[in-house]
């Protein structure tokens, strides 16, 4: 089983992701902002972080930079979970340092499997 931290300020999106991941057998934690995520990461290091790009106060790319700059979290698999779905967005986020990219809206039937595929690659 893998531990996953879902960082998304939209409660409905976050609840759906958490529900699907728990149903898939994952241990899941939640944060609705970058600051909440950093507070969580002080005490625990998940295997995977699902990170929304459009967050209040600090966007997902800035959150990723801080995650990568910390020696305790720099190697965690971080997946962009985003409504940005234009051509080139996936490549842009991977170039920024994300390990994978999942567009919103998420596909409930394949969501947990997609995360495992990214984590395992």
PDB file of N, CA and C in Angstrom:
ATOM      1  N   UNK A   1       0.839  -1.176   0.000  1.00  0.00           N
ATOM      2  CA  UNK A   1       0.000   0.000   0.000  1.00  0.00           C
ATOM      3  C   UNK A   1       0.889   1.245   0.000  1.00  0.00           C
ATOM      4  N   UNK A   2       0.438   2.280  -0.702  1.00  0.00           N
ATOM      5  CA  UNK A   2       1.191   3.517  -0.778  1.00  0.00           C
ATOM      6  C   UNK A   2       0.431   4.630  -0.069  1.00  0.00           C
ATOM      7  N   UNK A   3       1.186   5.557   0.531  1.00  0.00           N
ATOM      8  CA  UNK A   3       0.608   6.740   1.153  1.00  0.00           C
ATOM      9  C   UNK A   3       0.577   7.853   0.117  1.00  0.00           C
ATOM     10  N   UNK A   4      -0.547   8.540   0.028  1.00  0.00           N
ATOM     11  CA  UNK A   4      -0.705   9.615  -0.942  1.00  0.00           C
ATOM     12  C   UNK A   4      -1.228  10.862  -0.242  1.00  0.00           C
ATOM     13  N   UNK A   5      -0.598  11.998  -0.540  1.00  0.00           N
ATOM     14  CA  UNK A   5      -1.069  13.295  -0.073  1.00  0.00           C
ATOM     15  C   UNK A   5      -1.732  13.999  -1.252  1.00  0.00           C
ATOM     16  N   UNK A   6      -3.002  14.357  -1.091  1.00  0.00           N
ATOM     17  CA  UNK A   6      -3.749  15.083  -2.118  1.00  0.00           C
ATOM     18  C   UNK A   6      -3.808  16.549  -1.701  1.00  0.00           C
ATOM     19  N   UNK A   7      -3.228  17.434  -2.529  1.00  0.00           N
ATOM     20  CA  UNK A   7      -3.238  18.866  -2.259  1.00  0.00           C
ATOM     21  C   UNK A   7      -4.118  19.530  -3.311  1.00  0.00           C
ATOM     22  N   UNK A   8      -5.293  19.974  -2.881  1.00  0.00           N
ATOM     23  CA  UNK A   8      -6.246  20.615  -3.796  1.00  0.00           C
ATOM     24  C   UNK A   8      -7.145  21.515  -2.968  1.00  0.00           C
ATOM     25  N   UNK A   9      -7.306  22.770  -3.382  1.00  0.00           N
ATOM     26  CA  UNK A   9      -8.130  23.697  -2.622  1.00  0.00           C
ATOM     27  C   UNK A   9      -9.623  23.515  -2.874  1.00  0.00           C
ATOM     28  N   UNK A  10      -9.976  22.798  -3.933  1.00  0.00           N
ATOM     29  CA  UNK A  10     -11.382  22.559  -4.241  1.00  0.00           C
ATOM     30  C   UNK A  10     -11.843  21.317  -3.474  1.00  0.00           C
ATOM     31  N   UNK A  11     -12.737  21.520  -2.504  1.00  0.00           N
ATOM     32  CA  UNK A  11     -13.167  20.428  -1.623  1.00  0.00           C
ATOM     33  C   UNK A  11     -13.802  19.270  -2.388  1.00  0.00           C
ATOM     34  N   UNK A  12     -14.596  19.568  -3.397  1.00  0.00           N
ATOM     35  CA  UNK A  12     -15.258  18.493  -4.154  1.00  0.00           C
ATOM     36  C   UNK A  12     -14.232  17.657  -4.911  1.00  0.00           C
ATOM     37  N   UNK A  13     -13.293  18.310  -5.589  1.00  0.00           N
ATOM     38  CA  UNK A  13     -12.243  17.572  -6.306  1.00  0.00           C
ATOM     39  C   UNK A  13     -11.410  16.740  -5.338  1.00  0.00           C
ATOM     40  N   UNK A  14     -11.063  17.338  -4.200  1.00  0.00           N
ATOM     41  CA  UNK A  14     -10.240  16.641  -3.211  1.00  0.00           C
ATOM     42  C   UNK A  14     -10.982  15.436  -2.647  1.00  0.00           C
ATOM     43  N   UNK A  15     -12.267  15.613  -2.315  1.00  0.00           N
ATOM     44  CA  UNK A  15     -13.047  14.511  -1.745  1.00  0.00           C
ATOM     45  C   UNK A  15     -13.197  13.367  -2.736  1.00  0.00           C
ATOM     46  N   UNK A  16     -13.395  13.682  -4.006  1.00  0.00           N
ATOM     47  CA  UNK A  16     -13.510  12.635  -5.023  1.00  0.00           C
ATOM     48  C   UNK A  16     -12.194  11.868  -5.146  1.00  0.00           C
ATOM     49  N   UNK A  17     -11.086  12.584  -5.216  1.00  0.00           N
ATOM     50  CA  UNK A  17      -9.777  11.924  -5.321  1.00  0.00           C
ATOM     51  C   UNK A  17      -9.524  11.041  -4.109  1.00  0.00           C
ATOM     52  N   UNK A  18      -9.798  11.566  -2.921  1.00  0.00           N
ATOM     53  CA  UNK A  18      -9.585  10.795  -1.689  1.00  0.00           C
ATOM     54  C   UNK A  18     -10.448   9.544  -1.682  1.00  0.00           C
ATOM     55  N   UNK A  19     -11.704   9.684  -2.035  1.00  0.00           N
ATOM     56  CA  UNK A  19     -12.616   8.545  -2.070  1.00  0.00           C
ATOM     57  C   UNK A  19     -12.104   7.458  -3.019  1.00  0.00           C
ATOM     58  N   UNK A  20     -11.749   7.859  -4.237  1.00  0.00           N
ATOM     59  CA  UNK A  20     -11.294   6.884  -5.236  1.00  0.00           C
ATOM     60  C   UNK A  20      -9.992   6.208  -4.808  1.00  0.00           C
ATOM     61  N   UNK A  21      -9.093   6.964  -4.206  1.00  0.00           N
ATOM     62  CA  UNK A  21      -7.820   6.392  -3.774  1.00  0.00           C
ATOM     63  C   UNK A  21      -8.001   5.440  -2.600  1.00  0.00           C
ATOM     64  N   UNK A  22      -8.835   5.817  -1.647  1.00  0.00           N
ATOM     65  CA  UNK A  22      -9.101   4.911  -0.520  1.00  0.00           C
ATOM     66  C   UNK A  22      -9.759   3.631  -1.019  1.00  0.00           C
ATOM     67  N   UNK A  23     -10.686   3.778  -1.955  1.00  0.00           N
ATOM     68  CA  UNK A  23     -11.336   2.604  -2.552  1.00  0.00           C
ATOM     69  C   UNK A  23     -10.306   1.719  -3.263  1.00  0.00           C
ATOM     70  N   UNK A  24      -9.255   2.355  -3.794  1.00  0.00           N
ATOM     71  CA  UNK A  24      -8.186   1.620  -4.467  1.00  0.00           C
ATOM     72  C   UNK A  24      -7.162   1.024  -3.514  1.00  0.00           C
ATOM     73  N   UNK A  25      -7.342   1.220  -2.203  1.00  0.00           N
ATOM     74  CA  UNK A  25      -6.467   0.605  -1.218  1.00  0.00           C
ATOM     75  C   UNK A  25      -5.327   1.486  -0.726  1.00  0.00           C
ATOM     76  N   UNK A  26      -5.334   2.755  -1.086  1.00  0.00           N
ATOM     77  CA  UNK A  26      -4.274   3.667  -0.654  1.00  0.00           C
ATOM     78  C   UNK A  26      -4.591   4.279   0.705  1.00  0.00           C
ATOM     79  N   UNK A  27      -3.552   4.638   1.431  1.00  0.00           N
ATOM     80  CA  UNK A  27      -3.681   5.459   2.636  1.00  0.00           C
ATOM     81  C   UNK A  27      -3.597   6.904   2.142  1.00  0.00           C
ATOM     82  N   UNK A  28      -4.600   7.721   2.449  1.00  0.00           N
ATOM     83  CA  UNK A  28      -4.692   9.044   1.828  1.00  0.00           C
ATOM     84  C   UNK A  28      -4.767  10.144   2.883  1.00  0.00           C
ATOM     85  N   UNK A  29      -4.029  11.212   2.616  1.00  0.00           N
ATOM     86  CA  UNK A  29      -4.030  12.409   3.453  1.00  0.00           C
ATOM     87  C   UNK A  29      -4.428  13.593   2.575  1.00  0.00           C
ATOM     88  N   UNK A  30      -4.917  14.648   3.211  1.00  0.00           N
ATOM     89  CA  UNK A  30      -5.422  15.791   2.453  1.00  0.00           C
ATOM     90  C   UNK A  30      -4.817  17.101   2.935  1.00  0.00           C
ATOM     91  N   UNK A  31      -4.667  18.028   1.988  1.00  0.00           N
ATOM     92  CA  UNK A  31      -4.299  19.411   2.305  1.00  0.00           C
ATOM     93  C   UNK A  31      -4.998  20.298   1.288  1.00  0.00           C
ATOM     94  N   UNK A  32      -5.445  21.465   1.752  1.00  0.00           N
ATOM     95  CA  UNK A  32      -6.132  22.353   0.824  1.00  0.00           C
ATOM     96  C   UNK A  32      -5.284  23.552   0.412  1.00  0.00           C
ATOM     97  N   UNK A  33      -4.031  23.591   0.879  1.00  0.00           N
ATOM     98  CA  UNK A  33      -3.125  24.668   0.499  1.00  0.00           C
ATOM     99  C   UNK A  33      -1.688  24.178   0.593  1.00  0.00           C
ATOM    100  N   UNK A  34      -0.802  24.943  -0.008  1.00  0.00           N
ATOM    101  CA  UNK A  34       0.611  24.617   0.094  1.00  0.00           C
ATOM    102  C   UNK A  34       1.072  24.622   1.538  1.00  0.00           C
ATOM    103  N   UNK A  35       0.625  25.614   2.315  1.00  0.00           N
ATOM    104  CA  UNK A  35       1.052  25.694   3.709  1.00  0.00           C
ATOM    105  C   UNK A  35       0.583  24.491   4.512  1.00  0.00           C
ATOM    106  N   UNK A  36      -0.652  24.059   4.308  1.00  0.00           N
ATOM    107  CA  UNK A  36      -1.126  22.848   4.995  1.00  0.00           C
ATOM    108  C   UNK A  36      -0.274  21.645   4.601  1.00  0.00           C
ATOM    109  N   UNK A  37       0.096  21.578   3.330  1.00  0.00           N
ATOM    110  CA  UNK A  37       0.926  20.469   2.867  1.00  0.00           C
ATOM    111  C   UNK A  37       2.290  20.493   3.550  1.00  0.00           C
ATOM    112  N   UNK A  38       2.902  21.670   3.649  1.00  0.00           N
ATOM    113  CA  UNK A  38       4.218  21.758   4.299  1.00  0.00           C
ATOM    114  C   UNK A  38       4.126  21.388   5.770  1.00  0.00           C
ATOM    115  N   UNK A  39       3.037  21.775   6.427  1.00  0.00           N
ATOM    116  CA  UNK A  39       2.839  21.391   7.827  1.00  0.00           C
ATOM    117  C   UNK A  39       2.763  19.872   7.949  1.00  0.00           C
ATOM    118  N   UNK A  40       2.035  19.233   7.042  1.00  0.00           N
ATOM    119  CA  UNK A  40       1.922  17.775   7.041  1.00  0.00           C
ATOM    120  C   UNK A  40       3.289  17.130   6.786  1.00  0.00           C
ATOM    121  N   UNK A  41       4.026  17.675   5.829  1.00  0.00           N
ATOM    122  CA  UNK A  41       5.307  17.083   5.427  1.00  0.00           C
ATOM    123  C   UNK A  41       6.388  17.204   6.502  1.00  0.00           C
ATOM    124  N   UNK A  42       6.166  18.029   7.504  1.00  0.00           N
ATOM    125  CA  UNK A  42       7.121  18.122   8.621  1.00  0.00           C
ATOM    126  C   UNK A  42       7.119  16.837   9.448  1.00  0.00           C
ATOM    127  N   UNK A  43       5.991  16.125   9.438  1.00  0.00           N
ATOM    128  CA  UNK A  43       5.881  14.932  10.282  1.00  0.00           C
ATOM    129  C   UNK A  43       5.775  13.630   9.499  1.00  0.00           C
ATOM    130  N   UNK A  44       5.406  13.700   8.229  1.00  0.00           N
ATOM    131  CA  UNK A  44       5.243  12.482   7.432  1.00  0.00           C
ATOM    132  C   UNK A  44       5.711  12.729   6.002  1.00  0.00           C
ATOM    133  N   UNK A  45       6.190  11.654   5.384  1.00  0.00           N
ATOM    134  CA  UNK A  45       6.590  11.732   3.984  1.00  0.00           C
ATOM    135  C   UNK A  45       5.817  10.676   3.204  1.00  0.00           C
ATOM    136  N   UNK A  46       4.870  11.108   2.381  1.00  0.00           N
ATOM    137  CA  UNK A  46       4.088  10.149   1.599  1.00  0.00           C
ATOM    138  C   UNK A  46       4.916   9.595   0.436  1.00  0.00           C
ATOM    139  N   UNK A  47       4.419   8.539  -0.172  1.00  0.00           N
ATOM    140  CA  UNK A  47       5.072   7.984  -1.356  1.00  0.00           C
ATOM    141  C   UNK A  47       4.783   8.842  -2.584  1.00  0.00           C
ATOM    142  N   UNK A  48       3.572   9.400  -2.621  1.00  0.00           N
ATOM    143  CA  UNK A  48       3.116  10.170  -3.775  1.00  0.00           C
ATOM    144  C   UNK A  48       2.396  11.424  -3.289  1.00  0.00           C
ATOM    145  N   UNK A  49       2.597  12.526  -4.027  1.00  0.00           N
ATOM    146  CA  UNK A  49       1.847  13.747  -3.788  1.00  0.00           C
ATOM    147  C   UNK A  49       1.102  14.090  -5.067  1.00  0.00           C
ATOM    148  N   UNK A  50      -0.214  14.257  -4.960  1.00  0.00           N
ATOM    149  CA  UNK A  50      -1.025  14.765  -6.066  1.00  0.00           C
ATOM    150  C   UNK A  50      -1.199  16.248  -5.808  1.00  0.00           C
ATOM    151  N   UNK A  51      -0.729  17.069  -6.728  1.00  0.00           N
ATOM    152  CA  UNK A  51      -0.634  18.499  -6.484  1.00  0.00           C
ATOM    153  C   UNK A  51      -1.391  19.297  -7.532  1.00  0.00           C
ATOM    154  N   UNK A  52      -2.431  19.978  -7.086  1.00  0.00           N
ATOM    155  CA  UNK A  52      -3.175  20.886  -7.950  1.00  0.00           C
ATOM    156  C   UNK A  52      -2.268  22.061  -8.307  1.00  0.00           C
ATOM    157  N   UNK A  53      -2.392  22.571  -9.511  1.00  0.00           N
ATOM    158  CA  UNK A  53      -1.567  23.694  -9.940  1.00  0.00           C
ATOM    159  C   UNK A  53      -2.153  25.020  -9.457  1.00  0.00           C
ATOM    160  N   UNK A  54      -3.465  25.159  -9.501  1.00  0.00           N
ATOM    161  CA  UNK A  54      -4.117  26.415  -9.135  1.00  0.00           C
ATOM    162  C   UNK A  54      -4.505  26.401  -7.661  1.00  0.00           C
ATOM    163  N   UNK A  55      -3.574  26.805  -6.822  1.00  0.00           N
ATOM    164  CA  UNK A  55      -3.815  26.878  -5.385  1.00  0.00           C
ATOM    165  C   UNK A  55      -3.789  28.343  -4.951  1.00  0.00           C
ATOM    166  N   UNK A  56      -4.503  28.673  -3.873  1.00  0.00           N
ATOM    167  CA  UNK A  56      -4.443  30.050  -3.374  1.00  0.00           C
ATOM    168  C   UNK A  56      -3.088  30.317  -2.709  1.00  0.00           C
ATOM    169  N   UNK A  57      -2.688  31.547  -2.701  1.00  0.00           N
ATOM    170  CA  UNK A  57      -1.478  32.015  -2.024  1.00  0.00           C
ATOM    171  C   UNK A  57      -0.181  31.570  -2.691  1.00  0.00           C
ATOM    172  N   UNK A  58      -0.079  30.316  -3.073  1.00  0.00           N
ATOM    173  CA  UNK A  58       1.135  29.780  -3.673  1.00  0.00           C
ATOM    174  C   UNK A  58       0.722  28.717  -4.686  1.00  0.00           C
ATOM    175  N   UNK A  59       1.084  28.898  -5.958  1.00  0.00           N
ATOM    176  CA  UNK A  59       0.639  27.923  -6.960  1.00  0.00           C
ATOM    177  C   UNK A  59       1.413  26.605  -6.845  1.00  0.00           C
ATOM    178  N   UNK A  60       0.921  25.610  -7.543  1.00  0.00           N
ATOM    179  CA  UNK A  60       1.496  24.278  -7.455  1.00  0.00           C
ATOM    180  C   UNK A  60       2.953  24.198  -7.894  1.00  0.00           C
ATOM    181  N   UNK A  61       3.347  25.012  -8.830  1.00  0.00           N
ATOM    182  CA  UNK A  61       4.746  24.983  -9.275  1.00  0.00           C
ATOM    183  C   UNK A  61       5.660  25.485  -8.157  1.00  0.00           C
ATOM    184  N   UNK A  62       5.244  26.519  -7.440  1.00  0.00           N
ATOM    185  CA  UNK A  62       6.036  27.008  -6.305  1.00  0.00           C
ATOM    186  C   UNK A  62       6.061  25.966  -5.184  1.00  0.00           C
ATOM    187  N   UNK A  63       4.930  25.316  -4.932  1.00  0.00           N
ATOM    188  CA  UNK A  63       4.890  24.246  -3.923  1.00  0.00           C
ATOM    189  C   UNK A  63       5.871  23.141  -4.316  1.00  0.00           C
ATOM    190  N   UNK A  64       5.862  22.764  -5.593  1.00  0.00           N
ATOM    191  CA  UNK A  64       6.782  21.723  -6.073  1.00  0.00           C
ATOM    192  C   UNK A  64       8.233  22.130  -5.847  1.00  0.00           C
ATOM    193  N   UNK A  65       8.575  23.370  -6.145  1.00  0.00           N
ATOM    194  CA  UNK A  65       9.959  23.844  -5.943  1.00  0.00           C
ATOM    195  C   UNK A  65      10.378  23.674  -4.490  1.00  0.00           C
ATOM    196  N   UNK A  66       9.476  24.008  -3.578  1.00  0.00           N
ATOM    197  CA  UNK A  66       9.800  23.869  -2.155  1.00  0.00           C
ATOM    198  C   UNK A  66       9.910  22.402  -1.750  1.00  0.00           C
ATOM    199  N   UNK A  67       9.068  21.554  -2.313  1.00  0.00           N
ATOM    200  CA  UNK A  67       9.153  20.115  -2.021  1.00  0.00           C
ATOM    201  C   UNK A  67      10.492  19.568  -2.510  1.00  0.00           C
ATOM    202  N   UNK A  68      10.882  19.948  -3.710  1.00  0.00           N
ATOM    203  CA  UNK A  68      12.140  19.459  -4.302  1.00  0.00           C
ATOM    204  C   UNK A  68      13.375  20.025  -3.599  1.00  0.00           C
ATOM    205  N   UNK A  69      13.244  21.178  -2.959  1.00  0.00           N
ATOM    206  CA  UNK A  69      14.406  21.788  -2.304  1.00  0.00           C
ATOM    207  C   UNK A  69      14.633  21.246  -0.890  1.00  0.00           C
ATOM    208  N   UNK A  70      13.711  20.457  -0.387  1.00  0.00           N
ATOM    209  CA  UNK A  70      13.833  19.883   0.956  1.00  0.00           C
ATOM    210  C   UNK A  70      14.379  18.464   0.839  1.00  0.00           C
ATOM    211  N   UNK A  71      15.459  18.186   1.535  1.00  0.00           N
ATOM    212  CA  UNK A  71      16.108  16.870   1.415  1.00  0.00           C
ATOM    213  C   UNK A  71      15.204  15.718   1.826  1.00  0.00           C
ATOM    214  N   UNK A  72      14.233  15.963   2.711  1.00  0.00           N
ATOM    215  CA  UNK A  72      13.360  14.875   3.164  1.00  0.00           C
ATOM    216  C   UNK A  72      12.244  14.563   2.171  1.00  0.00           C
ATOM    217  N   UNK A  73      11.971  15.473   1.230  1.00  0.00           N
ATOM    218  CA  UNK A  73      10.872  15.251   0.281  1.00  0.00           C
ATOM    219  C   UNK A  73      11.308  15.326  -1.183  1.00  0.00           C
ATOM    220  N   UNK A  74      12.569  15.604  -1.444  1.00  0.00           N
ATOM    221  CA  UNK A  74      13.005  15.844  -2.827  1.00  0.00           C
ATOM    222  C   UNK A  74      12.786  14.662  -3.760  1.00  0.00           C
ATOM    223  N   UNK A  75      12.738  13.449  -3.228  1.00  0.00           N
ATOM    224  CA  UNK A  75      12.586  12.261  -4.073  1.00  0.00           C
ATOM    225  C   UNK A  75      11.160  11.703  -4.113  1.00  0.00           C
ATOM    226  N   UNK A  76      10.222  12.382  -3.473  1.00  0.00           N
ATOM    227  CA  UNK A  76       8.823  11.935  -3.482  1.00  0.00           C
ATOM    228  C   UNK A  76       8.264  12.106  -4.897  1.00  0.00           C
ATOM    229  N   UNK A  77       7.479  11.142  -5.348  1.00  0.00           N
ATOM    230  CA  UNK A  77       6.809  11.246  -6.636  1.00  0.00           C
ATOM    231  C   UNK A  77       5.716  12.306  -6.524  1.00  0.00           C
ATOM    232  N   UNK A  78       5.808  13.340  -7.379  1.00  0.00           N
ATOM    233  CA  UNK A  78       4.824  14.421  -7.365  1.00  0.00           C
ATOM    234  C   UNK A  78       4.138  14.467  -8.729  1.00  0.00           C
ATOM    235  N   UNK A  79       2.823  14.358  -8.699  1.00  0.00           N
ATOM    236  CA  UNK A  79       2.013  14.327  -9.917  1.00  0.00           C
ATOM    237  C   UNK A  79       1.140  15.573  -9.973  1.00  0.00           C
ATOM    238  N   UNK A  80       1.220  16.285 -11.095  1.00  0.00           N
ATOM    239  CA  UNK A  80       0.352  17.450 -11.300  1.00  0.00           C
ATOM    240  C   UNK A  80      -1.071  16.955 -11.541  1.00  0.00           C
ATOM    241  N   UNK A  81      -2.000  17.490 -10.800  1.00  0.00           N
ATOM    242  CA  UNK A  81      -3.422  17.177 -10.957  1.00  0.00           C
ATOM    243  C   UNK A  81      -4.086  18.503 -11.293  1.00  0.00           C
ATOM    244  N   UNK A  82      -4.430  18.683 -12.565  1.00  0.00           N
ATOM    245  CA  UNK A  82      -4.748  20.033 -12.996  1.00  0.00           C
ATOM    246  C   UNK A  82      -5.811  20.124 -14.082  1.00  0.00           C
ATOM    247  N   UNK A  83      -6.465  21.268 -14.103  1.00  0.00           N
ATOM    248  CA  UNK A  83      -7.429  21.573 -15.163  1.00  0.00           C
ATOM    249  C   UNK A  83      -6.727  22.143 -16.398  1.00  0.00           C
ATOM    250  N   UNK A  84      -5.428  22.403 -16.303  1.00  0.00           N
ATOM    251  CA  UNK A  84      -4.675  22.863 -17.470  1.00  0.00           C
ATOM    252  C   UNK A  84      -4.492  21.682 -18.415  1.00  0.00           C
ATOM    253  N   UNK A  85      -5.208  21.727 -19.537  1.00  0.00           N
ATOM    254  CA  UNK A  85      -5.193  20.574 -20.448  1.00  0.00           C
ATOM    255  C   UNK A  85      -4.939  20.976 -21.898  1.00  0.00           C
ATOM    256  N   UNK A  86      -4.339  22.113 -22.090  1.00  0.00           N
ATOM    257  CA  UNK A  86      -4.030  22.546 -23.449  1.00  0.00           C
ATOM    258  C   UNK A  86      -2.794  21.803 -23.955  1.00  0.00           C
ATOM    259  N   UNK A  87      -2.644  21.772 -25.272  1.00  0.00           N
ATOM    260  CA  UNK A  87      -1.467  21.144 -25.866  1.00  0.00           C
ATOM    261  C   UNK A  87      -0.212  21.792 -25.277  1.00  0.00           C
ATOM    262  N   UNK A  88       0.704  20.969 -24.850  1.00  0.00           N
ATOM    263  CA  UNK A  88       1.960  21.450 -24.289  1.00  0.00           C
ATOM    264  C   UNK A  88       1.972  21.562 -22.777  1.00  0.00           C
ATOM    265  N   UNK A  89       0.797  21.526 -22.130  1.00  0.00           N
ATOM    266  CA  UNK A  89       0.761  21.658 -20.670  1.00  0.00           C
ATOM    267  C   UNK A  89       1.466  20.492 -19.979  1.00  0.00           C
ATOM    268  N   UNK A  90       1.210  19.286 -20.439  1.00  0.00           N
ATOM    269  CA  UNK A  90       1.851  18.112 -19.826  1.00  0.00           C
ATOM    270  C   UNK A  90       3.370  18.262 -19.863  1.00  0.00           C
ATOM    271  N   UNK A  91       3.895  18.636 -21.010  1.00  0.00           N
ATOM    272  CA  UNK A  91       5.344  18.794 -21.165  1.00  0.00           C
ATOM    273  C   UNK A  91       5.866  19.936 -20.285  1.00  0.00           C
ATOM    274  N   UNK A  92       5.082  21.006 -20.184  1.00  0.00           N
ATOM    275  CA  UNK A  92       5.477  22.152 -19.359  1.00  0.00           C
ATOM    276  C   UNK A  92       5.604  21.735 -17.893  1.00  0.00           C
ATOM    277  N   UNK A  93       4.647  20.968 -17.405  1.00  0.00           N
ATOM    278  CA  UNK A  93       4.686  20.563 -16.001  1.00  0.00           C
ATOM    279  C   UNK A  93       5.787  19.534 -15.748  1.00  0.00           C
ATOM    280  N   UNK A  94       5.992  18.638 -16.669  1.00  0.00           N
ATOM    281  CA  UNK A  94       7.087  17.675 -16.509  1.00  0.00           C
ATOM    282  C   UNK A  94       8.432  18.402 -16.539  1.00  0.00           C
ATOM    283  N   UNK A  95       8.565  19.420 -17.392  1.00  0.00           N
ATOM    284  CA  UNK A  95       9.802  20.210 -17.439  1.00  0.00           C
ATOM    285  C   UNK A  95      10.022  20.978 -16.134  1.00  0.00           C
ATOM    286  N   UNK A  96       8.931  21.328 -15.450  1.00  0.00           N
ATOM    287  CA  UNK A  96       9.028  22.036 -14.169  1.00  0.00           C
ATOM    288  C   UNK A  96       9.462  21.106 -13.039  1.00  0.00           C
ATOM    289  N   UNK A  97       9.442  19.786 -13.288  1.00  0.00           N
ATOM    290  CA  UNK A  97       9.901  18.839 -12.278  1.00  0.00           C
ATOM    291  C   UNK A  97       8.866  17.858 -11.764  1.00  0.00           C
ATOM    292  N   UNK A  98       7.642  17.930 -12.295  1.00  0.00           N
ATOM    293  CA  UNK A  98       6.645  16.946 -11.899  1.00  0.00           C
ATOM    294  C   UNK A  98       6.998  15.587 -12.494  1.00  0.00           C
ATOM    295  N   UNK A  99       6.667  14.524 -11.769  1.00  0.00           N
ATOM    296  CA  UNK A  99       6.936  13.157 -12.243  1.00  0.00           C
ATOM    297  C   UNK A  99       5.844  12.648 -13.168  1.00  0.00           C
ATOM    298  N   UNK A 100       4.694  13.298 -13.152  1.00  0.00           N
ATOM    299  CA  UNK A 100       3.583  12.878 -13.989  1.00  0.00           C
ATOM    300  C   UNK A 100       2.541  13.963 -14.037  1.00  0.00           C
ATOM    301  N   UNK A 101       1.496  13.689 -14.810  1.00  0.00           N
ATOM    302  CA  UNK A 101       0.464  14.690 -15.089  1.00  0.00           C
ATOM    303  C   UNK A 101      -0.868  13.973 -15.245  1.00  0.00           C
ATOM    304  N   UNK A 102      -1.866  14.415 -14.502  1.00  0.00           N
ATOM    305  CA  UNK A 102      -3.220  13.890 -14.641  1.00  0.00           C
ATOM    306  C   UNK A 102      -4.171  15.066 -14.830  1.00  0.00           C
ATOM    307  N   UNK A 103      -4.893  15.078 -15.948  1.00  0.00           N
ATOM    308  CA  UNK A 103      -5.820  16.181 -16.190  1.00  0.00           C
ATOM    309  C   UNK A 103      -7.124  16.015 -15.412  1.00  0.00           C
ATOM    310  N   UNK A 104      -7.722  17.150 -15.070  1.00  0.00           N
ATOM    311  CA  UNK A 104      -9.064  17.159 -14.492  1.00  0.00           C
ATOM    312  C   UNK A 104     -10.042  17.426 -15.625  1.00  0.00           C
ATOM    313  N   UNK A 105     -11.249  16.951 -15.574  1.00  0.00           N
ATOM    314  CA  UNK A 105     -11.756  16.116 -14.487  1.00  0.00           C
ATOM    315  C   UNK A 105     -11.121  14.724 -14.532  1.00  0.00           C
ATOM    316  N   UNK A 106     -10.959  14.148 -13.353  1.00  0.00           N
ATOM    317  CA  UNK A 106     -10.339  12.828 -13.281  1.00  0.00           C
ATOM    318  C   UNK A 106     -11.313  11.768 -13.789  1.00  0.00           C
ATOM    319  N   UNK A 107     -10.738  10.686 -14.266  1.00  0.00           N
ATOM    320  CA  UNK A 107     -11.526   9.555 -14.767  1.00  0.00           C
ATOM    321  C   UNK A 107     -11.644   8.537 -13.628  1.00  0.00           C
ATOM    322  N   UNK A 108     -12.805   8.454 -12.976  1.00  0.00           N
ATOM    323  CA  UNK A 108     -12.950   7.613 -11.788  1.00  0.00           C
ATOM    324  C   UNK A 108     -12.542   6.148 -11.981  1.00  0.00           C
ATOM    325  N   UNK A 109     -12.826   5.576 -13.138  1.00  0.00           N
ATOM    326  CA  UNK A 109     -12.543   4.149 -13.340  1.00  0.00           C
ATOM    327  C   UNK A 109     -11.052   3.848 -13.426  1.00  0.00           C
ATOM    328  N   UNK A 110     -10.235   4.810 -13.808  1.00  0.00           N
ATOM    329  CA  UNK A 110      -8.814   4.535 -14.020  1.00  0.00           C
ATOM    330  C   UNK A 110      -7.886   5.362 -13.138  1.00  0.00           C
ATOM    331  N   UNK A 111      -8.435   6.234 -12.307  1.00  0.00           N
ATOM    332  CA  UNK A 111      -7.642   7.192 -11.542  1.00  0.00           C
ATOM    333  C   UNK A 111      -6.563   6.521 -10.687  1.00  0.00           C
ATOM    334  N   UNK A 112      -6.933   5.596  -9.817  1.00  0.00           N
ATOM    335  CA  UNK A 112      -5.969   4.946  -8.925  1.00  0.00           C
ATOM    336  C   UNK A 112      -4.911   4.184  -9.728  1.00  0.00           C
ATOM    337  N   UNK A 113      -5.323   3.555 -10.809  1.00  0.00           N
ATOM    338  CA  UNK A 113      -4.388   2.806 -11.654  1.00  0.00           C
ATOM    339  C   UNK A 113      -3.385   3.758 -12.327  1.00  0.00           C
ATOM    340  N   UNK A 114      -3.848   4.919 -12.776  1.00  0.00           N
ATOM    341  CA  UNK A 114      -2.961   5.893 -13.415  1.00  0.00           C
ATOM    342  C   UNK A 114      -1.863   6.334 -12.453  1.00  0.00           C
ATOM    343  N   UNK A 115      -2.234   6.556 -11.200  1.00  0.00           N
ATOM    344  CA  UNK A 115      -1.244   6.990 -10.198  1.00  0.00           C
ATOM    345  C   UNK A 115      -0.215   5.906  -9.979  1.00  0.00           C
ATOM    346  N   UNK A 116      -0.662   4.658  -9.860  1.00  0.00           N
ATOM    347  CA  UNK A 116       0.270   3.545  -9.669  1.00  0.00           C
ATOM    348  C   UNK A 116       1.222   3.421 -10.867  1.00  0.00           C
ATOM    349  N   UNK A 117       0.710   3.606 -12.073  1.00  0.00           N
ATOM    350  CA  UNK A 117       1.566   3.534 -13.262  1.00  0.00           C
ATOM    351  C   UNK A 117       2.641   4.617 -13.240  1.00  0.00           C
ATOM    352  N   UNK A 118       2.283   5.825 -12.874  1.00  0.00           N
ATOM    353  CA  UNK A 118       3.277   6.913 -12.797  1.00  0.00           C
ATOM    354  C   UNK A 118       4.282   6.622 -11.694  1.00  0.00           C
ATOM    355  N   UNK A 119       3.800   6.198 -10.527  1.00  0.00           N
ATOM    356  CA  UNK A 119       4.676   5.921  -9.398  1.00  0.00           C
ATOM    357  C   UNK A 119       5.652   4.792  -9.699  1.00  0.00           C
ATOM    358  N   UNK A 120       5.193   3.795 -10.434  1.00  0.00           N
ATOM    359  CA  UNK A 120       6.014   2.614 -10.731  1.00  0.00           C
ATOM    360  C   UNK A 120       7.011   2.828 -11.861  1.00  0.00           C
ATOM    361  N   UNK A 121       6.830   3.894 -12.633  1.00  0.00           N
ATOM    362  CA  UNK A 121       7.717   4.094 -13.792  1.00  0.00           C
ATOM    363  C   UNK A 121       9.017   4.768 -13.437  1.00  0.00           C
TER     364      UNK A 121
END
